């Protein structure tokens, strides 16, 4: 956790983003935006952090898990169809 706002710089925020510490990066960007309202690069940086946070939401993970299970089931069905095809071929 950051205690001293002397370290609240764009560079430090970028370091936190690169480390995946979006919470501290967001805190710095909000502080800087309060000091320099209307700075487009700060607004864009905050927007990017929000986008990254949404991308890691449990709903997205649940959707990916659901898709993964669906693909596993399809794979199993394809294997069964191929085995059945082989049985038919051998039965002739």
PDB file of N, CA and C in Angstrom:
ATOM      1  N   UNK A   1       0.838  -1.182   0.000  1.00  0.00           N
ATOM      2  CA  UNK A   1       0.000   0.000   0.000  1.00  0.00           C
ATOM      3  C   UNK A   1       0.884   1.247   0.000  1.00  0.00           C
ATOM      4  N   UNK A   2       0.480   2.224  -0.743  1.00  0.00           N
ATOM      5  CA  UNK A   2       1.258   3.450  -0.883  1.00  0.00           C
ATOM      6  C   UNK A   2       0.834   4.415   0.225  1.00  0.00           C
ATOM      7  N   UNK A   3       1.804   4.910   0.984  1.00  0.00           N
ATOM      8  CA  UNK A   3       1.495   5.813   2.084  1.00  0.00           C
ATOM      9  C   UNK A   3       1.823   7.260   1.743  1.00  0.00           C
ATOM     10  N   UNK A   4       2.863   7.489   0.931  1.00  0.00           N
ATOM     11  CA  UNK A   4       3.346   8.827   0.672  1.00  0.00           C
ATOM     12  C   UNK A   4       3.023   9.217  -0.765  1.00  0.00           C
ATOM     13  N   UNK A   5       2.244  10.290  -0.939  1.00  0.00           N
ATOM     14  CA  UNK A   5       1.837  10.660  -2.291  1.00  0.00           C
ATOM     15  C   UNK A   5       2.974  11.287  -3.105  1.00  0.00           C
ATOM     16  N   UNK A   6       4.179  11.375  -2.553  1.00  0.00           N
ATOM     17  CA  UNK A   6       5.342  11.814  -3.317  1.00  0.00           C
ATOM     18  C   UNK A   6       5.590  10.827  -4.461  1.00  0.00           C
ATOM     19  N   UNK A   7       5.245   9.585  -4.228  1.00  0.00           N
ATOM     20  CA  UNK A   7       5.458   8.542  -5.229  1.00  0.00           C
ATOM     21  C   UNK A   7       4.269   8.399  -6.179  1.00  0.00           C
ATOM     22  N   UNK A   8       3.295   9.261  -6.079  1.00  0.00           N
ATOM     23  CA  UNK A   8       2.131   9.206  -6.953  1.00  0.00           C
ATOM     24  C   UNK A   8       2.489   9.879  -8.278  1.00  0.00           C
ATOM     25  N   UNK A   9       3.107   9.126  -9.161  1.00  0.00           N
ATOM     26  CA  UNK A   9       3.507   9.633 -10.472  1.00  0.00           C
ATOM     27  C   UNK A   9       2.950   8.719 -11.557  1.00  0.00           C
ATOM     28  N   UNK A  10       2.933   9.230 -12.763  1.00  0.00           N
ATOM     29  CA  UNK A  10       2.482   8.411 -13.898  1.00  0.00           C
ATOM     30  C   UNK A  10       3.358   7.169 -14.027  1.00  0.00           C
ATOM     31  N   UNK A  11       4.658   7.356 -13.837  1.00  0.00           N
ATOM     32  CA  UNK A  11       5.589   6.239 -13.961  1.00  0.00           C
ATOM     33  C   UNK A  11       5.292   5.165 -12.926  1.00  0.00           C
ATOM     34  N   UNK A  12       5.046   5.582 -11.690  1.00  0.00           N
ATOM     35  CA  UNK A  12       4.756   4.609 -10.636  1.00  0.00           C
ATOM     36  C   UNK A  12       3.445   3.878 -10.934  1.00  0.00           C
ATOM     37  N   UNK A  13       2.468   4.601 -11.445  1.00  0.00           N
ATOM     38  CA  UNK A  13       1.197   3.971 -11.804  1.00  0.00           C
ATOM     39  C   UNK A  13       1.415   2.921 -12.891  1.00  0.00           C
ATOM     40  N   UNK A  14       2.251   3.245 -13.875  1.00  0.00           N
ATOM     41  CA  UNK A  14       2.540   2.288 -14.947  1.00  0.00           C
ATOM     42  C   UNK A  14       3.251   1.052 -14.402  1.00  0.00           C
ATOM     43  N   UNK A  15       4.140   1.261 -13.438  1.00  0.00           N
ATOM     44  CA  UNK A  15       4.823   0.124 -12.817  1.00  0.00           C
ATOM     45  C   UNK A  15       3.807  -0.796 -12.164  1.00  0.00           C
ATOM     46  N   UNK A  16       2.872  -0.203 -11.426  1.00  0.00           N
ATOM     47  CA  UNK A  16       1.830  -1.015 -10.783  1.00  0.00           C
ATOM     48  C   UNK A  16       0.985  -1.755 -11.811  1.00  0.00           C
ATOM     49  N   UNK A  17       0.627  -1.094 -12.898  1.00  0.00           N
ATOM     50  CA  UNK A  17      -0.156  -1.756 -13.950  1.00  0.00           C
ATOM     51  C   UNK A  17       0.624  -2.944 -14.502  1.00  0.00           C
ATOM     52  N   UNK A  18       1.900  -2.746 -14.779  1.00  0.00           N
ATOM     53  CA  UNK A  18       2.732  -3.831 -15.321  1.00  0.00           C
ATOM     54  C   UNK A  18       2.869  -4.991 -14.350  1.00  0.00           C
ATOM     55  N   UNK A  19       2.792  -4.694 -13.063  1.00  0.00           N
ATOM     56  CA  UNK A  19       2.865  -5.740 -12.048  1.00  0.00           C
ATOM     57  C   UNK A  19       1.503  -6.376 -11.777  1.00  0.00           C
ATOM     58  N   UNK A  20       0.461  -5.829 -12.394  1.00  0.00           N
ATOM     59  CA  UNK A  20      -0.881  -6.362 -12.187  1.00  0.00           C
ATOM     60  C   UNK A  20      -1.568  -5.809 -10.949  1.00  0.00           C
ATOM     61  N   UNK A  21      -0.984  -4.814 -10.319  1.00  0.00           N
ATOM     62  CA  UNK A  21      -1.567  -4.197  -9.123  1.00  0.00           C
ATOM     63  C   UNK A  21      -2.456  -3.034  -9.558  1.00  0.00           C
ATOM     64  N   UNK A  22      -3.622  -3.385 -10.077  1.00  0.00           N
ATOM     65  CA  UNK A  22      -4.519  -2.381 -10.639  1.00  0.00           C
ATOM     66  C   UNK A  22      -5.101  -1.456  -9.573  1.00  0.00           C
ATOM     67  N   UNK A  23      -5.259  -1.966  -8.375  1.00  0.00           N
ATOM     68  CA  UNK A  23      -5.832  -1.150  -7.298  1.00  0.00           C
ATOM     69  C   UNK A  23      -4.937   0.054  -6.988  1.00  0.00           C
ATOM     70  N   UNK A  24      -3.640  -0.181  -6.814  1.00  0.00           N
ATOM     71  CA  UNK A  24      -2.733   0.934  -6.517  1.00  0.00           C
ATOM     72  C   UNK A  24      -2.550   1.845  -7.725  1.00  0.00           C
ATOM     73  N   UNK A  25      -2.516   1.274  -8.907  1.00  0.00           N
ATOM     74  CA  UNK A  25      -2.408   2.095 -10.118  1.00  0.00           C
ATOM     75  C   UNK A  25      -3.620   3.016 -10.234  1.00  0.00           C
ATOM     76  N   UNK A  26      -4.781   2.460  -9.982  1.00  0.00           N
ATOM     77  CA  UNK A  26      -6.005   3.267 -10.049  1.00  0.00           C
ATOM     78  C   UNK A  26      -5.970   4.387  -9.006  1.00  0.00           C
ATOM     79  N   UNK A  27      -5.500   4.074  -7.814  1.00  0.00           N
ATOM     80  CA  UNK A  27      -5.412   5.082  -6.750  1.00  0.00           C
ATOM     81  C   UNK A  27      -4.511   6.244  -7.186  1.00  0.00           C
ATOM     82  N   UNK A  28      -3.386   5.908  -7.795  1.00  0.00           N
ATOM     83  CA  UNK A  28      -2.465   6.960  -8.248  1.00  0.00           C
ATOM     84  C   UNK A  28      -3.088   7.787  -9.360  1.00  0.00           C
ATOM     85  N   UNK A  29      -3.672   7.121 -10.342  1.00  0.00           N
ATOM     86  CA  UNK A  29      -4.278   7.858 -11.454  1.00  0.00           C
ATOM     87  C   UNK A  29      -5.400   8.773 -10.970  1.00  0.00           C
ATOM     88  N   UNK A  30      -6.205   8.320 -10.032  1.00  0.00           N
ATOM     89  CA  UNK A  30      -7.271   9.179  -9.499  1.00  0.00           C
ATOM     90  C   UNK A  30      -6.694  10.380  -8.762  1.00  0.00           C
ATOM     91  N   UNK A  31      -5.638  10.148  -8.012  1.00  0.00           N
ATOM     92  CA  UNK A  31      -4.978  11.250  -7.314  1.00  0.00           C
ATOM     93  C   UNK A  31      -4.440  12.268  -8.320  1.00  0.00           C
ATOM     94  N   UNK A  32      -3.747  11.781  -9.340  1.00  0.00           N
ATOM     95  CA  UNK A  32      -3.177  12.669 -10.348  1.00  0.00           C
ATOM     96  C   UNK A  32      -4.264  13.423 -11.105  1.00  0.00           C
ATOM     97  N   UNK A  33      -5.361  12.755 -11.374  1.00  0.00           N
ATOM     98  CA  UNK A  33      -6.464  13.401 -12.080  1.00  0.00           C
ATOM     99  C   UNK A  33      -7.095  14.491 -11.219  1.00  0.00           C
ATOM    100  N   UNK A  34      -7.132  14.285  -9.911  1.00  0.00           N
ATOM    101  CA  UNK A  34      -7.646  15.320  -9.009  1.00  0.00           C
ATOM    102  C   UNK A  34      -6.710  16.538  -9.000  1.00  0.00           C
ATOM    103  N   UNK A  35      -5.414  16.280  -9.156  1.00  0.00           N
ATOM    104  CA  UNK A  35      -4.433  17.364  -9.194  1.00  0.00           C
ATOM    105  C   UNK A  35      -4.429  18.079 -10.543  1.00  0.00           C
ATOM    106  N   UNK A  36      -4.687  17.325 -11.598  1.00  0.00           N
ATOM    107  CA  UNK A  36      -4.658  17.858 -12.961  1.00  0.00           C
ATOM    108  C   UNK A  36      -5.936  17.457 -13.702  1.00  0.00           C
ATOM    109  N   UNK A  37      -7.057  18.055 -13.334  1.00  0.00           N
ATOM    110  CA  UNK A  37      -8.332  17.664 -13.968  1.00  0.00           C
ATOM    111  C   UNK A  37      -8.290  17.836 -15.489  1.00  0.00           C
ATOM    112  N   UNK A  38      -8.930  16.908 -16.149  1.00  0.00           N
ATOM    113  CA  UNK A  38      -9.060  16.999 -17.596  1.00  0.00           C
ATOM    114  C   UNK A  38      -7.881  16.449 -18.383  1.00  0.00           C
ATOM    115  N   UNK A  39      -6.907  15.861 -17.710  1.00  0.00           N
ATOM    116  CA  UNK A  39      -5.774  15.277 -18.432  1.00  0.00           C
ATOM    117  C   UNK A  39      -6.237  14.011 -19.148  1.00  0.00           C
ATOM    118  N   UNK A  40      -6.270  14.088 -20.454  1.00  0.00           N
ATOM    119  CA  UNK A  40      -6.819  12.990 -21.261  1.00  0.00           C
ATOM    120  C   UNK A  40      -6.070  11.671 -21.049  1.00  0.00           C
ATOM    121  N   UNK A  41      -4.745  11.733 -20.928  1.00  0.00           N
ATOM    122  CA  UNK A  41      -3.980  10.497 -20.761  1.00  0.00           C
ATOM    123  C   UNK A  41      -4.316   9.809 -19.438  1.00  0.00           C
ATOM    124  N   UNK A  42      -4.619  10.592 -18.417  1.00  0.00           N
ATOM    125  CA  UNK A  42      -5.003  10.000 -17.128  1.00  0.00           C
ATOM    126  C   UNK A  42      -6.385   9.357 -17.210  1.00  0.00           C
ATOM    127  N   UNK A  43      -7.293  10.029 -17.889  1.00  0.00           N
ATOM    128  CA  UNK A  43      -8.639   9.468 -18.075  1.00  0.00           C
ATOM    129  C   UNK A  43      -8.553   8.168 -18.865  1.00  0.00           C
ATOM    130  N   UNK A  44      -7.732   8.155 -19.907  1.00  0.00           N
ATOM    131  CA  UNK A  44      -7.566   6.942 -20.720  1.00  0.00           C
ATOM    132  C   UNK A  44      -6.927   5.812 -19.908  1.00  0.00           C
ATOM    133  N   UNK A  45      -5.962   6.162 -19.057  1.00  0.00           N
ATOM    134  CA  UNK A  45      -5.316   5.146 -18.225  1.00  0.00           C
ATOM    135  C   UNK A  45      -6.318   4.535 -17.245  1.00  0.00           C
ATOM    136  N   UNK A  46      -7.154   5.373 -16.647  1.00  0.00           N
ATOM    137  CA  UNK A  46      -8.185   4.860 -15.732  1.00  0.00           C
ATOM    138  C   UNK A  46      -9.184   3.984 -16.481  1.00  0.00           C
ATOM    139  N   UNK A  47      -9.526   4.381 -17.686  1.00  0.00           N
ATOM    140  CA  UNK A  47     -10.446   3.592 -18.496  1.00  0.00           C
ATOM    141  C   UNK A  47      -9.857   2.233 -18.818  1.00  0.00           C
ATOM    142  N   UNK A  48      -8.572   2.187 -19.123  1.00  0.00           N
ATOM    143  CA  UNK A  48      -7.894   0.923 -19.427  1.00  0.00           C
ATOM    144  C   UNK A  48      -7.882   0.000 -18.214  1.00  0.00           C
ATOM    145  N   UNK A  49      -7.655   0.575 -17.047  1.00  0.00           N
ATOM    146  CA  UNK A  49      -7.679  -0.224 -15.818  1.00  0.00           C
ATOM    147  C   UNK A  49      -9.071  -0.821 -15.607  1.00  0.00           C
ATOM    148  N   UNK A  50     -10.090  -0.023 -15.819  1.00  0.00           N
ATOM    149  CA  UNK A  50     -11.469  -0.515 -15.670  1.00  0.00           C
ATOM    150  C   UNK A  50     -11.743  -1.652 -16.655  1.00  0.00           C
ATOM    151  N   UNK A  51     -11.257  -1.515 -17.872  1.00  0.00           N
ATOM    152  CA  UNK A  51     -11.424  -2.561 -18.882  1.00  0.00           C
ATOM    153  C   UNK A  51     -10.740  -3.849 -18.438  1.00  0.00           C
ATOM    154  N   UNK A  52      -9.540  -3.724 -17.877  1.00  0.00           N
ATOM    155  CA  UNK A  52      -8.814  -4.902 -17.403  1.00  0.00           C
ATOM    156  C   UNK A  52      -9.547  -5.553 -16.234  1.00  0.00           C
ATOM    157  N   UNK A  53     -10.098  -4.752 -15.360  1.00  0.00           N
ATOM    158  CA  UNK A  53     -10.831  -5.306 -14.215  1.00  0.00           C
ATOM    159  C   UNK A  53     -12.070  -6.073 -14.665  1.00  0.00           C
ATOM    160  N   UNK A  54     -12.791  -5.509 -15.622  1.00  0.00           N
ATOM    161  CA  UNK A  54     -13.996  -6.169 -16.132  1.00  0.00           C
ATOM    162  C   UNK A  54     -13.615  -7.478 -16.807  1.00  0.00           C
ATOM    163  N   UNK A  55     -12.478  -7.498 -17.493  1.00  0.00           N
ATOM    164  CA  UNK A  55     -12.022  -8.705 -18.166  1.00  0.00           C
ATOM    165  C   UNK A  55     -11.731  -9.848 -17.211  1.00  0.00           C
ATOM    166  N   UNK A  56     -11.519  -9.554 -15.955  1.00  0.00           N
ATOM    167  CA  UNK A  56     -11.216 -10.585 -14.966  1.00  0.00           C
ATOM    168  C   UNK A  56     -12.416 -10.878 -14.069  1.00  0.00           C
ATOM    169  N   UNK A  57     -13.571 -10.460 -14.495  1.00  0.00           N
ATOM    170  CA  UNK A  57     -14.745 -10.638 -13.639  1.00  0.00           C
ATOM    171  C   UNK A  57     -15.149 -12.110 -13.560  1.00  0.00           C
ATOM    172  N   UNK A  58     -15.769 -12.494 -12.448  1.00  0.00           N
ATOM    173  CA  UNK A  58     -16.220 -13.888 -12.289  1.00  0.00           C
ATOM    174  C   UNK A  58     -17.199 -14.318 -13.378  1.00  0.00           C
ATOM    175  N   UNK A  59     -18.031 -13.396 -13.869  1.00  0.00           N
ATOM    176  CA  UNK A  59     -18.980 -13.752 -14.925  1.00  0.00           C
ATOM    177  C   UNK A  59     -18.253 -14.189 -16.189  1.00  0.00           C
ATOM    178  N   UNK A  60     -17.176 -13.507 -16.515  1.00  0.00           N
ATOM    179  CA  UNK A  60     -16.420 -13.882 -17.707  1.00  0.00           C
ATOM    180  C   UNK A  60     -15.767 -15.248 -17.507  1.00  0.00           C
ATOM    181  N   UNK A  61     -15.231 -15.481 -16.318  1.00  0.00           N
ATOM    182  CA  UNK A  61     -14.625 -16.781 -16.036  1.00  0.00           C
ATOM    183  C   UNK A  61     -15.662 -17.890 -16.092  1.00  0.00           C
ATOM    184  N   UNK A  62     -16.834 -17.620 -15.576  1.00  0.00           N
ATOM    185  CA  UNK A  62     -17.906 -18.605 -15.618  1.00  0.00           C
ATOM    186  C   UNK A  62     -18.289 -18.918 -17.063  1.00  0.00           C
ATOM    187  N   UNK A  63     -18.354 -17.898 -17.899  1.00  0.00           N
ATOM    188  CA  UNK A  63     -18.686 -18.109 -19.307  1.00  0.00           C
ATOM    189  C   UNK A  63     -17.600 -18.942 -19.999  1.00  0.00           C
ATOM    190  N   UNK A  64     -16.336 -18.660 -19.687  1.00  0.00           N
ATOM    191  CA  UNK A  64     -15.246 -19.446 -20.273  1.00  0.00           C
ATOM    192  C   UNK A  64     -15.286 -20.888 -19.794  1.00  0.00           C
ATOM    193  N   UNK A  65     -15.583 -21.103 -18.537  1.00  0.00           N
ATOM    194  CA  UNK A  65     -15.693 -22.460 -17.996  1.00  0.00           C
ATOM    195  C   UNK A  65     -16.825 -23.215 -18.673  1.00  0.00           C
ATOM    196  N   UNK A  66     -17.955 -22.539 -18.873  1.00  0.00           N
ATOM    197  CA  UNK A  66     -19.097 -23.139 -19.547  1.00  0.00           C
ATOM    198  C   UNK A  66     -18.731 -23.523 -20.982  1.00  0.00           C
ATOM    199  N   UNK A  67     -18.013 -22.642 -21.653  1.00  0.00           N
ATOM    200  CA  UNK A  67     -17.573 -22.930 -23.019  1.00  0.00           C
ATOM    201  C   UNK A  67     -16.621 -24.117 -23.037  1.00  0.00           C
ATOM    202  N   UNK A  68     -15.717 -24.183 -22.091  1.00  0.00           N
ATOM    203  CA  UNK A  68     -14.753 -25.278 -21.996  1.00  0.00           C
ATOM    204  C   UNK A  68     -15.471 -26.615 -21.816  1.00  0.00           C
ATOM    205  N   UNK A  69     -16.467 -26.648 -20.929  1.00  0.00           N
ATOM    206  CA  UNK A  69     -17.234 -27.881 -20.704  1.00  0.00           C
ATOM    207  C   UNK A  69     -17.952 -28.287 -21.984  1.00  0.00           C
ATOM    208  N   UNK A  70     -18.535 -27.309 -22.671  1.00  0.00           N
ATOM    209  CA  UNK A  70     -19.205 -27.600 -23.938  1.00  0.00           C
ATOM    210  C   UNK A  70     -18.260 -28.206 -24.959  1.00  0.00           C
ATOM    211  N   UNK A  71     -17.058 -27.673 -25.027  1.00  0.00           N
ATOM    212  CA  UNK A  71     -16.064 -28.221 -25.962  1.00  0.00           C
ATOM    213  C   UNK A  71     -15.641 -29.630 -25.570  1.00  0.00           C
ATOM    214  N   UNK A  72     -15.506 -29.892 -24.281  1.00  0.00           N
ATOM    215  CA  UNK A  72     -15.177 -31.243 -23.829  1.00  0.00           C
ATOM    216  C   UNK A  72     -16.264 -32.241 -24.226  1.00  0.00           C
ATOM    217  N   UNK A  73     -17.511 -31.840 -24.058  1.00  0.00           N
ATOM    218  CA  UNK A  73     -18.624 -32.720 -24.423  1.00  0.00           C
ATOM    219  C   UNK A  73     -18.645 -32.975 -25.932  1.00  0.00           C
ATOM    220  N   UNK A  74     -18.396 -31.935 -26.715  1.00  0.00           N
ATOM    221  CA  UNK A  74     -18.359 -32.121 -28.164  1.00  0.00           C
ATOM    222  C   UNK A  74     -17.212 -33.050 -28.557  1.00  0.00           C
ATOM    223  N   UNK A  75     -16.073 -32.890 -27.921  1.00  0.00           N
ATOM    224  CA  UNK A  75     -14.927 -33.754 -28.202  1.00  0.00           C
ATOM    225  C   UNK A  75     -15.276 -35.215 -27.903  1.00  0.00           C
ATOM    226  N   UNK A  76     -15.933 -35.430 -26.769  1.00  0.00           N
ATOM    227  CA  UNK A  76     -16.337 -36.794 -26.408  1.00  0.00           C
ATOM    228  C   UNK A  76     -17.301 -37.364 -27.448  1.00  0.00           C
ATOM    229  N   UNK A  77     -18.238 -36.562 -27.909  1.00  0.00           N
ATOM    230  CA  UNK A  77     -19.199 -37.024 -28.915  1.00  0.00           C
ATOM    231  C   UNK A  77     -18.519 -37.343 -30.241  1.00  0.00           C
ATOM    232  N   UNK A  78     -17.548 -36.519 -30.626  1.00  0.00           N
ATOM    233  CA  UNK A  78     -16.812 -36.777 -31.867  1.00  0.00           C
ATOM    234  C   UNK A  78     -16.049 -38.091 -31.759  1.00  0.00           C
ATOM    235  N   UNK A  79     -15.430 -38.315 -30.595  1.00  0.00           N
ATOM    236  CA  UNK A  79     -14.713 -39.586 -30.393  1.00  0.00           C
ATOM    237  C   UNK A  79     -15.666 -40.773 -30.528  1.00  0.00           C
ATOM    238  N   UNK A  80     -16.841 -40.666 -29.950  1.00  0.00           N
ATOM    239  CA  UNK A  80     -17.829 -41.753 -30.045  1.00  0.00           C
ATOM    240  C   UNK A  80     -18.253 -41.972 -31.490  1.00  0.00           C
ATOM    241  N   UNK A  81     -18.470 -40.885 -32.231  1.00  0.00           N
ATOM    242  CA  UNK A  81     -18.863 -41.012 -33.632  1.00  0.00           C
ATOM    243  C   UNK A  81     -17.759 -41.664 -34.458  1.00  0.00           C
ATOM    244  N   UNK A  82     -16.522 -41.294 -34.177  1.00  0.00           N
ATOM    245  CA  UNK A  82     -15.408 -41.906 -34.906  1.00  0.00           C
ATOM    246  C   UNK A  82     -15.291 -43.401 -34.582  1.00  0.00           C
ATOM    247  N   UNK A  83     -15.513 -43.747 -33.310  1.00  0.00           N
ATOM    248  CA  UNK A  83     -15.490 -45.166 -32.928  1.00  0.00           C
ATOM    249  C   UNK A  83     -16.623 -45.914 -33.620  1.00  0.00           C
ATOM    250  N   UNK A  84     -17.806 -45.320 -33.689  1.00  0.00           N
ATOM    251  CA  UNK A  84     -18.949 -45.937 -34.351  1.00  0.00           C
ATOM    252  C   UNK A  84     -18.676 -46.108 -35.840  1.00  0.00           C
ATOM    253  N   UNK A  85     -18.071 -45.101 -36.434  1.00  0.00           N
ATOM    254  CA  UNK A  85     -17.719 -45.169 -37.853  1.00  0.00           C
ATOM    255  C   UNK A  85     -16.743 -46.328 -38.092  1.00  0.00           C
ATOM    256  N   UNK A  86     -15.799 -46.482 -37.208  1.00  0.00           N
ATOM    257  CA  UNK A  86     -14.824 -47.562 -37.339  1.00  0.00           C
ATOM    258  C   UNK A  86     -15.508 -48.914 -37.204  1.00  0.00           C
ATOM    259  N   UNK A  87     -16.471 -49.035 -36.280  1.00  0.00           N
ATOM    260  CA  UNK A  87     -17.226 -50.288 -36.116  1.00  0.00           C
ATOM    261  C   UNK A  87     -18.000 -50.618 -37.386  1.00  0.00           C
ATOM    262  N   UNK A  88     -18.626 -49.621 -37.965  1.00  0.00           N
ATOM    263  CA  UNK A  88     -19.386 -49.851 -39.198  1.00  0.00           C
ATOM    264  C   UNK A  88     -18.447 -50.274 -40.341  1.00  0.00           C
ATOM    265  N   UNK A  89     -17.308 -49.640 -40.392  1.00  0.00           N
ATOM    266  CA  UNK A  89     -16.349 -49.960 -41.429  1.00  0.00           C
ATOM    267  C   UNK A  89     -15.822 -51.391 -41.281  1.00  0.00           C
ATOM    268  N   UNK A  90     -15.567 -51.791 -40.061  1.00  0.00           N
ATOM    269  CA  UNK A  90     -15.050 -53.134 -39.796  1.00  0.00           C
ATOM    270  C   UNK A  90     -16.144 -54.196 -39.953  1.00  0.00           C
ATOM    271  N   UNK A  91     -17.389 -53.827 -39.787  1.00  0.00           N
ATOM    272  CA  UNK A  91     -18.488 -54.760 -39.884  1.00  0.00           C
ATOM    273  C   UNK A  91     -18.827 -55.156 -41.302  1.00  0.00           C
ATOM    274  N   UNK A  92     -18.347 -54.484 -42.276  1.00  0.00           N
ATOM    275  CA  UNK A  92     -18.661 -54.784 -43.684  1.00  0.00           C
ATOM    276  C   UNK A  92     -17.851 -55.899 -44.188  1.00  0.00           C
TER     277      UNK A  92
END
